[in-house]
């Protein structure tokens, strides 16, 4: 099965090369003339290259709180807050896991939940600002063309990426919808906040969170983490 999939992937690459040979010159001009750079890190990084976001362009005073920040800066700040929240969620999971053996330290558990929520609020804040900024900024056509021509299926197969999550990424990027990918992440952040608020209510009432709630929290966090990471990986590969 693996050999057959690999063969199919390679055949697909061959067909794409033949089909687009006439436009090779145009594509090369787009690739090397766009000024696009790949400095992908861990979560949505370098997707800002898909926009003509000139930091020297004057901003409308008071348009929104982070108007002076670039798309790149908003991405980094949002990712940093999310990773902090993930650390808090891992800490919370550890405390819940050990509670049957060591007893419940309610102060520690409450601190973990409250800190996770605070960091998730920050992550959502930056991504909402990112959505506003992205909606007001024109796309970089050169990069959008590269996204449309990218070999997503082969990239997923060759790197062993989780197919269900990567297909969601592909659904946005293959049509050049970077803004939609940001909205997807923002919606997942909302979901994580809703789950954490449910957990906070339980903990404040002196109840250990139900297993199903903790499972949902960790699964949602893992999926959005991979979604953001796969965005960064595609842009690094462009």
C-alpha atoms as a PDB file:
ATOM      1  CA  UNK A   1       0.000   0.000   0.000  1.00  0.00           C
ATOM      2  CA  UNK A   2       2.801   2.421   0.923  1.00  0.00           C
ATOM      3  CA  UNK A   3       4.687   1.664  -2.285  1.00  0.00           C
ATOM      4  CA  UNK A   4       1.535   2.172  -4.340  1.00  0.00           C
ATOM      5  CA  UNK A   5       0.828   5.506  -2.621  1.00  0.00           C
ATOM      6  CA  UNK A   6       4.393   6.646  -3.211  1.00  0.00           C
ATOM      7  CA  UNK A   7       4.172   5.679  -6.861  1.00  0.00           C
ATOM      8  CA  UNK A   8       0.906   7.560  -7.165  1.00  0.00           C
ATOM      9  CA  UNK A   9       2.487  10.610  -5.571  1.00  0.00           C
ATOM     10  CA  UNK A  10       5.437  10.538  -7.963  1.00  0.00           C
ATOM     11  CA  UNK A  11       3.144  10.079 -10.961  1.00  0.00           C
ATOM     12  CA  UNK A  12       1.127  13.036  -9.776  1.00  0.00           C
ATOM     13  CA  UNK A  13       4.254  15.166  -9.627  1.00  0.00           C
ATOM     14  CA  UNK A  14       5.148  14.104 -13.172  1.00  0.00           C
ATOM     15  CA  UNK A  15       1.732  15.025 -14.516  1.00  0.00           C
ATOM     16  CA  UNK A  16       1.876  18.387 -12.819  1.00  0.00           C
ATOM     17  CA  UNK A  17       5.286  19.087 -14.344  1.00  0.00           C
ATOM     18  CA  UNK A  18       4.040  18.246 -17.824  1.00  0.00           C
ATOM     19  CA  UNK A  19       0.833  20.197 -17.439  1.00  0.00           C
ATOM     20  CA  UNK A  20       2.601  23.353 -16.251  1.00  0.00           C
ATOM     21  CA  UNK A  21       5.738  23.246 -18.408  1.00  0.00           C
ATOM     22  CA  UNK A  22       4.401  26.005 -20.676  1.00  0.00           C
ATOM     23  CA  UNK A  23       4.047  28.352 -17.698  1.00  0.00           C
ATOM     24  CA  UNK A  24       7.443  27.577 -16.162  1.00  0.00           C
ATOM     25  CA  UNK A  25       8.905  30.944 -17.006  1.00  0.00           C
ATOM     26  CA  UNK A  26       5.983  32.801 -15.437  1.00  0.00           C
ATOM     27  CA  UNK A  27       6.163  30.717 -12.285  1.00  0.00           C
ATOM     28  CA  UNK A  28       9.911  31.266 -11.958  1.00  0.00           C
ATOM     29  CA  UNK A  29       9.363  35.010 -12.222  1.00  0.00           C
ATOM     30  CA  UNK A  30       6.734  34.826  -9.496  1.00  0.00           C
ATOM     31  CA  UNK A  31       8.867  32.660  -7.234  1.00  0.00           C
ATOM     32  CA  UNK A  32      11.995  34.749  -7.416  1.00  0.00           C
ATOM     33  CA  UNK A  33      10.494  38.159  -8.005  1.00  0.00           C
ATOM     34  CA  UNK A  34       8.124  38.260  -5.062  1.00  0.00           C
ATOM     35  CA  UNK A  35      10.669  39.001  -2.365  1.00  0.00           C
ATOM     36  CA  UNK A  36       9.008  36.294  -0.242  1.00  0.00           C
ATOM     37  CA  UNK A  37      11.188  34.838   2.498  1.00  0.00           C
ATOM     38  CA  UNK A  38      10.740  31.696   4.561  1.00  0.00           C
ATOM     39  CA  UNK A  39      11.465  32.045   8.247  1.00  0.00           C
ATOM     40  CA  UNK A  40       8.823  29.631   9.482  1.00  0.00           C
ATOM     41  CA  UNK A  41       8.881  28.712  13.121  1.00  0.00           C
ATOM     42  CA  UNK A  42       6.208  26.715  14.893  1.00  0.00           C
ATOM     43  CA  UNK A  43       2.721  28.167  14.475  1.00  0.00           C
ATOM     44  CA  UNK A  44       1.398  29.976  11.373  1.00  0.00           C
ATOM     45  CA  UNK A  45       4.728  31.738  10.861  1.00  0.00           C
ATOM     46  CA  UNK A  46       5.640  33.114   7.427  1.00  0.00           C
ATOM     47  CA  UNK A  47       1.968  33.171   6.391  1.00  0.00           C
ATOM     48  CA  UNK A  48       2.367  36.942   6.583  1.00  0.00           C
ATOM     49  CA  UNK A  49       4.299  36.600   3.328  1.00  0.00           C
ATOM     50  CA  UNK A  50       0.934  36.073   1.680  1.00  0.00           C
ATOM     51  CA  UNK A  51       0.046  39.728   2.296  1.00  0.00           C
ATOM     52  CA  UNK A  52       1.390  43.079   1.109  1.00  0.00           C
ATOM     53  CA  UNK A  53       1.786  44.213   4.701  1.00  0.00           C
ATOM     54  CA  UNK A  54       4.083  47.236   4.564  1.00  0.00           C
ATOM     55  CA  UNK A  55       5.032  48.273   8.140  1.00  0.00           C
ATOM     56  CA  UNK A  56       5.842  51.756   6.815  1.00  0.00           C
ATOM     57  CA  UNK A  57       2.289  52.341   5.608  1.00  0.00           C
ATOM     58  CA  UNK A  58       0.550  54.844   7.908  1.00  0.00           C
ATOM     59  CA  UNK A  59      -2.166  53.280  10.074  1.00  0.00           C
ATOM     60  CA  UNK A  60      -5.540  54.812  10.763  1.00  0.00           C
ATOM     61  CA  UNK A  61      -5.276  56.305  14.231  1.00  0.00           C
ATOM     62  CA  UNK A  62      -7.460  54.491  16.730  1.00  0.00           C
ATOM     63  CA  UNK A  63      -8.766  52.048  14.121  1.00  0.00           C
ATOM     64  CA  UNK A  64      -8.165  49.158  16.519  1.00  0.00           C
ATOM     65  CA  UNK A  65      -5.861  48.611  19.536  1.00  0.00           C
ATOM     66  CA  UNK A  66      -3.014  46.816  17.749  1.00  0.00           C
ATOM     67  CA  UNK A  67      -3.159  48.757  14.480  1.00  0.00           C
ATOM     68  CA  UNK A  68       0.536  49.565  14.722  1.00  0.00           C
ATOM     69  CA  UNK A  69       1.522  45.884  14.757  1.00  0.00           C
ATOM     70  CA  UNK A  70       2.318  44.017  11.547  1.00  0.00           C
ATOM     71  CA  UNK A  71       0.673  40.735  10.597  1.00  0.00           C
ATOM     72  CA  UNK A  72       3.932  38.970  11.417  1.00  0.00           C
ATOM     73  CA  UNK A  73       4.021  40.470  14.924  1.00  0.00           C
ATOM     74  CA  UNK A  74       0.399  39.535  15.600  1.00  0.00           C
ATOM     75  CA  UNK A  75       1.078  35.944  14.496  1.00  0.00           C
ATOM     76  CA  UNK A  76       4.076  35.640  16.814  1.00  0.00           C
ATOM     77  CA  UNK A  77       2.273  37.169  19.786  1.00  0.00           C
ATOM     78  CA  UNK A  78      -0.754  34.933  19.240  1.00  0.00           C
ATOM     79  CA  UNK A  79       1.417  31.835  18.925  1.00  0.00           C
ATOM     80  CA  UNK A  80       3.409  32.711  22.034  1.00  0.00           C
ATOM     81  CA  UNK A  81       0.254  33.136  24.112  1.00  0.00           C
ATOM     82  CA  UNK A  82      -1.144  29.854  22.769  1.00  0.00           C
ATOM     83  CA  UNK A  83       2.030  27.947  23.650  1.00  0.00           C
ATOM     84  CA  UNK A  84       1.935  29.394  27.156  1.00  0.00           C
ATOM     85  CA  UNK A  85      -1.653  28.190  27.460  1.00  0.00           C
ATOM     86  CA  UNK A  86      -0.614  24.755  26.222  1.00  0.00           C
ATOM     87  CA  UNK A  87       1.975  24.578  28.979  1.00  0.00           C
ATOM     88  CA  UNK A  88      -0.705  25.451  31.528  1.00  0.00           C
ATOM     89  CA  UNK A  89      -3.041  22.823  30.059  1.00  0.00           C
ATOM     90  CA  UNK A  90      -0.291  20.220  30.330  1.00  0.00           C
ATOM     91  CA  UNK A  91       0.282  21.262  33.934  1.00  0.00           C
ATOM     92  CA  UNK A  92      -3.445  20.977  34.633  1.00  0.00           C
ATOM     93  CA  UNK A  93      -3.531  17.531  33.016  1.00  0.00           C
ATOM     94  CA  UNK A  94      -0.611  16.414  35.168  1.00  0.00           C
ATOM     95  CA  UNK A  95      -2.331  17.578  38.365  1.00  0.00           C
ATOM     96  CA  UNK A  96      -5.592  15.852  37.420  1.00  0.00           C
ATOM     97  CA  UNK A  97      -3.702  12.660  36.550  1.00  0.00           C
ATOM     98  CA  UNK A  98      -1.886  12.557  39.903  1.00  0.00           C
ATOM     99  CA  UNK A  99      -4.960  13.512  41.963  1.00  0.00           C
ATOM    100  CA  UNK A 100      -5.943   9.899  42.674  1.00  0.00           C
ATOM    101  CA  UNK A 101      -2.526   9.184  44.171  1.00  0.00           C
ATOM    102  CA  UNK A 102      -1.475  12.460  45.767  1.00  0.00           C
ATOM    103  CA  UNK A 103      -4.835  14.011  46.551  1.00  0.00           C
ATOM    104  CA  UNK A 104      -6.139  17.286  45.170  1.00  0.00           C
ATOM    105  CA  UNK A 105      -4.243  20.526  45.644  1.00  0.00           C
ATOM    106  CA  UNK A 106      -7.102  22.851  44.744  1.00  0.00           C
ATOM    107  CA  UNK A 107      -4.944  25.974  44.838  1.00  0.00           C
ATOM    108  CA  UNK A 108      -2.546  24.517  42.256  1.00  0.00           C
ATOM    109  CA  UNK A 109      -5.338  23.261  40.009  1.00  0.00           C
ATOM    110  CA  UNK A 110      -7.163  26.592  40.151  1.00  0.00           C
ATOM    111  CA  UNK A 111      -3.953  28.437  39.310  1.00  0.00           C
ATOM    112  CA  UNK A 112      -3.330  26.175  36.310  1.00  0.00           C
ATOM    113  CA  UNK A 113      -6.876  26.693  34.996  1.00  0.00           C
ATOM    114  CA  UNK A 114      -6.857  30.449  35.550  1.00  0.00           C
ATOM    115  CA  UNK A 115      -3.448  30.908  33.937  1.00  0.00           C
ATOM    116  CA  UNK A 116      -4.457  28.736  30.973  1.00  0.00           C
ATOM    117  CA  UNK A 117      -7.571  30.867  30.505  1.00  0.00           C
ATOM    118  CA  UNK A 118      -5.632  34.115  30.765  1.00  0.00           C
ATOM    119  CA  UNK A 119      -3.163  32.992  28.108  1.00  0.00           C
ATOM    120  CA  UNK A 120      -5.931  31.696  25.851  1.00  0.00           C
ATOM    121  CA  UNK A 121      -7.761  35.030  26.163  1.00  0.00           C
ATOM    122  CA  UNK A 122      -4.538  36.703  25.019  1.00  0.00           C
ATOM    123  CA  UNK A 123      -4.105  34.269  22.122  1.00  0.00           C
ATOM    124  CA  UNK A 124      -7.696  34.862  20.988  1.00  0.00           C
ATOM    125  CA  UNK A 125      -7.244  38.609  21.324  1.00  0.00           C
ATOM    126  CA  UNK A 126      -4.216  38.654  19.030  1.00  0.00           C
ATOM    127  CA  UNK A 127      -5.910  36.386  16.495  1.00  0.00           C
ATOM    128  CA  UNK A 128      -9.015  38.554  16.398  1.00  0.00           C
ATOM    129  CA  UNK A 129      -6.760  41.538  15.761  1.00  0.00           C
ATOM    130  CA  UNK A 130      -4.954  39.437  13.141  1.00  0.00           C
ATOM    131  CA  UNK A 131      -8.241  38.760  11.372  1.00  0.00           C
ATOM    132  CA  UNK A 132      -9.005  42.493  11.285  1.00  0.00           C
ATOM    133  CA  UNK A 133      -5.532  43.330  10.013  1.00  0.00           C
ATOM    134  CA  UNK A 134      -5.581  40.571   7.380  1.00  0.00           C
ATOM    135  CA  UNK A 135      -9.007  41.642   6.130  1.00  0.00           C
ATOM    136  CA  UNK A 136      -7.677  45.176   5.611  1.00  0.00           C
ATOM    137  CA  UNK A 137      -4.477  44.067   3.859  1.00  0.00           C
ATOM    138  CA  UNK A 138      -4.322  42.947   0.203  1.00  0.00           C
ATOM    139  CA  UNK A 139      -2.931  39.557  -0.649  1.00  0.00           C
ATOM    140  CA  UNK A 140       0.508  39.143  -2.196  1.00  0.00           C
ATOM    141  CA  UNK A 141      -0.513  37.678  -5.560  1.00  0.00           C
ATOM    142  CA  UNK A 142       2.862  36.051  -6.157  1.00  0.00           C
ATOM    143  CA  UNK A 143       2.582  33.981  -2.984  1.00  0.00           C
ATOM    144  CA  UNK A 144      -1.076  33.090  -3.614  1.00  0.00           C
ATOM    145  CA  UNK A 145      -0.052  31.644  -6.990  1.00  0.00           C
ATOM    146  CA  UNK A 146       2.596  29.508  -5.271  1.00  0.00           C
ATOM    147  CA  UNK A 147       0.019  28.221  -2.810  1.00  0.00           C
ATOM    148  CA  UNK A 148      -2.332  27.239  -5.616  1.00  0.00           C
ATOM    149  CA  UNK A 149       0.449  25.356  -7.439  1.00  0.00           C
ATOM    150  CA  UNK A 150       1.836  23.633  -4.327  1.00  0.00           C
ATOM    151  CA  UNK A 151       1.905  19.788  -4.314  1.00  0.00           C
ATOM    152  CA  UNK A 152      -0.077  19.270  -1.115  1.00  0.00           C
ATOM    153  CA  UNK A 153      -0.735  15.526  -1.336  1.00  0.00           C
ATOM    154  CA  UNK A 154       2.893  14.657  -1.954  1.00  0.00           C
ATOM    155  CA  UNK A 155       4.031  17.011   0.791  1.00  0.00           C
ATOM    156  CA  UNK A 156       1.657  15.338   3.261  1.00  0.00           C
ATOM    157  CA  UNK A 157       2.767  11.848   2.242  1.00  0.00           C
ATOM    158  CA  UNK A 158       6.508  12.545   2.207  1.00  0.00           C
ATOM    159  CA  UNK A 159       6.474  14.230   5.633  1.00  0.00           C
ATOM    160  CA  UNK A 160       4.095  11.802   7.329  1.00  0.00           C
ATOM    161  CA  UNK A 161       1.685  14.567   8.334  1.00  0.00           C
ATOM    162  CA  UNK A 162      -1.643  13.777  10.012  1.00  0.00           C
ATOM    163  CA  UNK A 163      -3.934  13.584   7.026  1.00  0.00           C
ATOM    164  CA  UNK A 164      -7.192  14.856   8.531  1.00  0.00           C
ATOM    165  CA  UNK A 165      -5.558  17.971   9.942  1.00  0.00           C
ATOM    166  CA  UNK A 166      -3.447  18.590   6.861  1.00  0.00           C
ATOM    167  CA  UNK A 167      -6.492  18.286   4.612  1.00  0.00           C
ATOM    168  CA  UNK A 168      -8.048  21.177   6.540  1.00  0.00           C
ATOM    169  CA  UNK A 169      -4.902  23.228   5.912  1.00  0.00           C
ATOM    170  CA  UNK A 170      -4.941  22.212   2.254  1.00  0.00           C
ATOM    171  CA  UNK A 171      -8.580  23.262   1.948  1.00  0.00           C
ATOM    172  CA  UNK A 172      -7.653  26.837   2.820  1.00  0.00           C
ATOM    173  CA  UNK A 173      -4.220  27.243   1.250  1.00  0.00           C
ATOM    174  CA  UNK A 174      -4.957  25.500  -2.068  1.00  0.00           C
ATOM    175  CA  UNK A 175      -7.488  28.250  -2.774  1.00  0.00           C
ATOM    176  CA  UNK A 176      -5.256  31.007  -1.401  1.00  0.00           C
ATOM    177  CA  UNK A 177      -7.566  31.590   1.567  1.00  0.00           C
ATOM    178  CA  UNK A 178      -5.019  32.539   4.241  1.00  0.00           C
ATOM    179  CA  UNK A 179      -7.596  34.711   5.977  1.00  0.00           C
ATOM    180  CA  UNK A 180      -9.852  31.677   6.303  1.00  0.00           C
ATOM    181  CA  UNK A 181      -7.026  29.743   7.979  1.00  0.00           C
ATOM    182  CA  UNK A 182      -6.663  32.521  10.554  1.00  0.00           C
ATOM    183  CA  UNK A 183     -10.411  32.426  11.224  1.00  0.00           C
ATOM    184  CA  UNK A 184     -10.194  28.647  11.646  1.00  0.00           C
ATOM    185  CA  UNK A 185      -7.549  29.047  14.341  1.00  0.00           C
ATOM    186  CA  UNK A 186      -9.507  31.830  16.016  1.00  0.00           C
ATOM    187  CA  UNK A 187     -12.593  29.580  16.175  1.00  0.00           C
ATOM    188  CA  UNK A 188     -10.521  26.776  17.708  1.00  0.00           C
ATOM    189  CA  UNK A 189      -9.245  29.235  20.311  1.00  0.00           C
ATOM    190  CA  UNK A 190     -12.868  30.048  21.148  1.00  0.00           C
ATOM    191  CA  UNK A 191     -13.544  26.326  21.600  1.00  0.00           C
ATOM    192  CA  UNK A 192     -10.551  25.929  23.929  1.00  0.00           C
ATOM    193  CA  UNK A 193     -11.735  28.892  26.001  1.00  0.00           C
ATOM    194  CA  UNK A 194     -15.231  27.408  26.262  1.00  0.00           C
ATOM    195  CA  UNK A 195     -13.805  24.106  27.496  1.00  0.00           C
ATOM    196  CA  UNK A 196     -11.497  25.812  29.989  1.00  0.00           C
ATOM    197  CA  UNK A 197     -14.375  27.910  31.324  1.00  0.00           C
ATOM    198  CA  UNK A 198     -16.359  24.701  31.898  1.00  0.00           C
ATOM    199  CA  UNK A 199     -13.386  23.245  33.751  1.00  0.00           C
ATOM    200  CA  UNK A 200     -13.009  26.428  35.813  1.00  0.00           C
ATOM    201  CA  UNK A 201     -16.641  26.206  36.898  1.00  0.00           C
ATOM    202  CA  UNK A 202     -16.103  22.592  37.981  1.00  0.00           C
ATOM    203  CA  UNK A 203     -12.896  23.375  39.856  1.00  0.00           C
ATOM    204  CA  UNK A 204     -14.407  26.424  41.571  1.00  0.00           C
ATOM    205  CA  UNK A 205     -17.230  24.135  42.733  1.00  0.00           C
ATOM    206  CA  UNK A 206     -14.704  21.693  44.175  1.00  0.00           C
ATOM    207  CA  UNK A 207     -15.135  19.071  41.439  1.00  0.00           C
ATOM    208  CA  UNK A 208     -12.352  17.402  39.465  1.00  0.00           C
ATOM    209  CA  UNK A 209     -13.016  17.874  35.724  1.00  0.00           C
ATOM    210  CA  UNK A 210     -14.622  14.882  34.014  1.00  0.00           C
ATOM    211  CA  UNK A 211     -12.326  12.700  31.918  1.00  0.00           C
ATOM    212  CA  UNK A 212     -14.325  13.424  28.759  1.00  0.00           C
ATOM    213  CA  UNK A 213     -13.859  17.170  29.249  1.00  0.00           C
ATOM    214  CA  UNK A 214     -10.110  16.796  29.752  1.00  0.00           C
ATOM    215  CA  UNK A 215      -9.846  14.526  26.716  1.00  0.00           C
ATOM    216  CA  UNK A 216     -11.682  17.099  24.612  1.00  0.00           C
ATOM    217  CA  UNK A 217      -9.433  19.871  25.909  1.00  0.00           C
ATOM    218  CA  UNK A 218      -6.238  18.018  25.031  1.00  0.00           C
ATOM    219  CA  UNK A 219      -7.495  16.823  21.660  1.00  0.00           C
ATOM    220  CA  UNK A 220      -8.656  20.282  20.584  1.00  0.00           C
ATOM    221  CA  UNK A 221      -5.352  21.789  21.703  1.00  0.00           C
ATOM    222  CA  UNK A 222      -3.361  19.165  19.804  1.00  0.00           C
ATOM    223  CA  UNK A 223      -5.359  19.662  16.598  1.00  0.00           C
ATOM    224  CA  UNK A 224      -5.042  23.437  16.549  1.00  0.00           C
ATOM    225  CA  UNK A 225      -1.328  23.089  17.345  1.00  0.00           C
ATOM    226  CA  UNK A 226      -0.839  20.805  14.336  1.00  0.00           C
ATOM    227  CA  UNK A 227      -2.988  23.042  12.122  1.00  0.00           C
ATOM    228  CA  UNK A 228      -0.812  26.056  12.904  1.00  0.00           C
ATOM    229  CA  UNK A 229       2.369  24.029  12.541  1.00  0.00           C
ATOM    230  CA  UNK A 230       1.327  22.657   9.155  1.00  0.00           C
ATOM    231  CA  UNK A 231       0.620  26.193   7.953  1.00  0.00           C
ATOM    232  CA  UNK A 232       4.180  27.133   8.890  1.00  0.00           C
ATOM    233  CA  UNK A 233       5.598  24.003   7.219  1.00  0.00           C
ATOM    234  CA  UNK A 234       3.862  24.680   3.910  1.00  0.00           C
ATOM    235  CA  UNK A 235       5.094  28.263   3.834  1.00  0.00           C
ATOM    236  CA  UNK A 236       8.618  27.155   4.694  1.00  0.00           C
ATOM    237  CA  UNK A 237       8.478  24.713   1.752  1.00  0.00           C
ATOM    238  CA  UNK A 238       7.323  27.303  -0.797  1.00  0.00           C
END
